[in-house]
Amino acid sequence: MNITLNGNTKTCDNISSVAELLSDLTLNPETVVIELNTKIIPQDEYNEQKLNDADRVEIIRFVGGG
């Protein structure tokens, strides 16, 4: 399956959910916001939210600063 991740094509073998994608990318789910096909996905739905071929995923990361 191929998805568009932050504007780039990514092949997702053995990845079927948003949570699995974050794990594969070694990202902490508590520090990101996921937009899937222009819809914000609540963090408590990451495990249930399935990915499909040609989905568009945007990952926004929180960055601290001052």
N, C-alpha and C. Protein backbone atom coordinates (compact mmCIF):
# COMPACT_ATOMS: atom_id res chain seq x y z
N MET A 1 0.85 -1.17 0.00
CA MET A 1 0.00 0.00 0.00
C MET A 1 0.89 1.24 0.00
N ASN A 2 0.49 2.25 -0.74
CA ASN A 2 1.20 3.52 -0.78
C ASN A 2 0.30 4.63 -0.25
N ILE A 3 0.87 5.48 0.60
CA ILE A 3 0.17 6.66 1.09
C ILE A 3 1.01 7.88 0.76
N THR A 4 0.41 9.04 0.87
CA THR A 4 1.17 10.29 0.77
C THR A 4 1.34 10.80 2.18
N LEU A 5 2.58 10.88 2.62
CA LEU A 5 2.91 11.29 3.99
C LEU A 5 3.65 12.61 3.92
N ASN A 6 3.03 13.65 4.43
CA ASN A 6 3.61 15.00 4.41
C ASN A 6 4.13 15.35 3.02
N GLY A 7 3.33 15.00 2.00
CA GLY A 7 3.66 15.38 0.63
C GLY A 7 4.55 14.40 -0.12
N ASN A 8 5.02 13.35 0.54
CA ASN A 8 5.91 12.37 -0.10
C ASN A 8 5.25 10.99 -0.10
N THR A 9 5.50 10.22 -1.15
CA THR A 9 4.96 8.87 -1.23
C THR A 9 5.71 7.96 -0.27
N LYS A 10 4.95 7.17 0.49
CA LYS A 10 5.55 6.21 1.42
C LYS A 10 4.86 4.86 1.21
N THR A 11 5.67 3.82 1.06
CA THR A 11 5.16 2.46 0.98
C THR A 11 4.98 1.94 2.40
N CYS A 12 3.81 1.42 2.70
CA CYS A 12 3.47 0.98 4.05
C CYS A 12 3.18 -0.51 4.06
N ASP A 13 4.19 -1.32 4.00
CA ASP A 13 4.01 -2.76 4.13
C ASP A 13 3.86 -3.09 5.61
N ASN A 14 2.89 -3.91 5.94
CA ASN A 14 2.63 -4.35 7.32
C ASN A 14 2.23 -3.21 8.24
N ILE A 15 1.71 -2.13 7.69
CA ILE A 15 1.19 -1.02 8.49
C ILE A 15 -0.27 -0.84 8.11
N SER A 16 -1.16 -0.97 9.09
CA SER A 16 -2.58 -0.86 8.74
C SER A 16 -3.31 0.23 9.51
N SER A 17 -2.68 0.82 10.52
CA SER A 17 -3.36 1.84 11.32
C SER A 17 -2.45 3.05 11.53
N VAL A 18 -3.06 4.13 11.96
CA VAL A 18 -2.30 5.34 12.28
C VAL A 18 -1.29 5.03 13.39
N ALA A 19 -1.69 4.28 14.41
CA ALA A 19 -0.77 3.94 15.51
C ALA A 19 0.44 3.16 15.00
N GLU A 20 0.22 2.23 14.09
CA GLU A 20 1.33 1.45 13.54
C GLU A 20 2.25 2.34 12.71
N LEU A 21 1.69 3.30 11.99
CA LEU A 21 2.51 4.24 11.22
C LEU A 21 3.40 5.06 12.16
N LEU A 22 2.83 5.57 13.24
CA LEU A 22 3.62 6.35 14.19
C LEU A 22 4.71 5.50 14.82
N SER A 23 4.41 4.27 15.14
CA SER A 23 5.41 3.37 15.69
C SER A 23 6.54 3.14 14.69
N ASP A 24 6.17 2.91 13.44
CA ASP A 24 7.17 2.70 12.39
C ASP A 24 8.08 3.91 12.23
N LEU A 25 7.52 5.09 12.42
CA LEU A 25 8.29 6.34 12.29
C LEU A 25 8.96 6.74 13.60
N THR A 26 8.81 5.93 14.64
CA THR A 26 9.32 6.18 16.00
C THR A 26 8.91 7.57 16.51
N LEU A 27 7.61 7.87 16.34
CA LEU A 27 7.07 9.13 16.83
C LEU A 27 6.15 8.86 18.02
N ASN A 28 6.25 9.69 19.03
CA ASN A 28 5.41 9.60 20.21
C ASN A 28 4.02 10.14 19.85
N PRO A 29 2.98 9.34 19.98
CA PRO A 29 1.63 9.79 19.62
C PRO A 29 1.15 11.00 20.42
N GLU A 30 1.74 11.23 21.57
CA GLU A 30 1.32 12.34 22.41
C GLU A 30 1.91 13.68 21.96
N THR A 31 2.83 13.64 21.00
CA THR A 31 3.49 14.88 20.57
C THR A 31 3.18 15.23 19.11
N VAL A 32 2.14 14.59 18.55
CA VAL A 32 1.79 14.86 17.15
C VAL A 32 0.29 15.03 16.99
N VAL A 33 -0.08 15.66 15.91
CA VAL A 33 -1.47 15.73 15.46
C VAL A 33 -1.49 15.08 14.09
N ILE A 34 -2.49 14.23 13.86
CA ILE A 34 -2.60 13.51 12.59
C ILE A 34 -3.81 14.04 11.81
N GLU A 35 -3.54 14.40 10.57
CA GLU A 35 -4.61 14.76 9.64
C GLU A 35 -4.66 13.67 8.58
N LEU A 36 -5.79 13.04 8.43
CA LEU A 36 -5.97 11.96 7.47
C LEU A 36 -7.04 12.38 6.47
N ASN A 37 -6.61 12.57 5.23
CA ASN A 37 -7.54 13.00 4.17
C ASN A 37 -8.33 14.24 4.59
N THR A 38 -7.62 15.23 5.11
CA THR A 38 -8.10 16.55 5.56
C THR A 38 -8.94 16.52 6.84
N LYS A 39 -8.98 15.39 7.55
CA LYS A 39 -9.72 15.29 8.81
C LYS A 39 -8.75 15.03 9.95
N ILE A 40 -8.85 15.83 11.02
CA ILE A 40 -8.02 15.61 12.21
C ILE A 40 -8.52 14.36 12.93
N ILE A 41 -7.60 13.46 13.25
CA ILE A 41 -7.94 12.21 13.93
C ILE A 41 -7.65 12.38 15.43
N PRO A 42 -8.65 12.17 16.28
CA PRO A 42 -8.40 12.25 17.73
C PRO A 42 -7.38 11.19 18.16
N GLN A 43 -6.54 11.55 19.09
CA GLN A 43 -5.47 10.65 19.55
C GLN A 43 -6.02 9.31 20.04
N ASP A 44 -7.17 9.31 20.67
CA ASP A 44 -7.71 8.05 21.18
C ASP A 44 -8.25 7.13 20.08
N GLU A 45 -8.21 7.59 18.82
CA GLU A 45 -8.65 6.76 17.69
C GLU A 45 -7.48 6.26 16.84
N TYR A 46 -6.25 6.55 17.23
CA TYR A 46 -5.09 6.16 16.40
C TYR A 46 -5.02 4.64 16.19
N ASN A 47 -5.36 3.86 17.21
CA ASN A 47 -5.30 2.40 17.06
C ASN A 47 -6.37 1.87 16.12
N GLU A 48 -7.54 2.47 16.16
CA GLU A 48 -8.66 1.98 15.35
C GLU A 48 -8.67 2.54 13.93
N GLN A 49 -8.04 3.71 13.74
CA GLN A 49 -8.10 4.37 12.43
C GLN A 49 -7.23 3.63 11.42
N LYS A 50 -7.88 2.99 10.47
CA LYS A 50 -7.17 2.22 9.45
C LYS A 50 -6.67 3.12 8.33
N LEU A 51 -5.57 2.72 7.73
CA LEU A 51 -5.02 3.41 6.56
C LEU A 51 -5.38 2.61 5.32
N ASN A 52 -5.62 3.32 4.24
CA ASN A 52 -5.96 2.69 2.97
C ASN A 52 -5.02 3.21 1.89
N ASP A 53 -4.89 2.44 0.83
CA ASP A 53 -4.06 2.84 -0.30
C ASP A 53 -4.51 4.22 -0.79
N ALA A 54 -3.54 5.08 -1.06
CA ALA A 54 -3.75 6.44 -1.58
C ALA A 54 -4.22 7.45 -0.55
N ASP A 55 -4.26 7.07 0.75
CA ASP A 55 -4.59 8.03 1.79
C ASP A 55 -3.54 9.13 1.82
N ARG A 56 -3.98 10.32 2.25
CA ARG A 56 -3.08 11.45 2.44
C ARG A 56 -2.97 11.72 3.94
N VAL A 57 -1.77 11.59 4.47
CA VAL A 57 -1.52 11.76 5.91
C VAL A 57 -0.57 12.93 6.12
N GLU A 58 -0.97 13.83 6.99
CA GLU A 58 -0.09 14.92 7.42
C GLU A 58 0.17 14.73 8.91
N ILE A 59 1.42 14.79 9.29
CA ILE A 59 1.80 14.68 10.70
C ILE A 59 2.38 16.03 11.12
N ILE A 60 1.76 16.62 12.11
CA ILE A 60 2.22 17.89 12.65
C ILE A 60 2.82 17.62 14.02
N ARG A 61 4.07 18.02 14.20
CA ARG A 61 4.77 17.75 15.46
C ARG A 61 4.83 19.03 16.29
N PHE A 62 4.67 18.85 17.60
CA PHE A 62 4.80 19.95 18.53
C PHE A 62 6.29 20.19 18.80
N VAL A 63 6.70 21.43 18.73
CA VAL A 63 8.09 21.79 19.00
C VAL A 63 8.09 22.90 20.04
N GLY A 64 8.81 22.68 21.14
CA GLY A 64 8.90 23.70 22.17
C GLY A 64 9.97 24.71 21.83
N GLY A 65 9.85 25.84 22.39
CA GLY A 65 10.85 26.89 22.15
C GLY A 65 10.54 28.09 23.01
N GLY A 66 11.36 29.06 22.86
CA GLY A 66 11.10 30.24 23.68
C GLY A 66 11.83 31.44 23.21
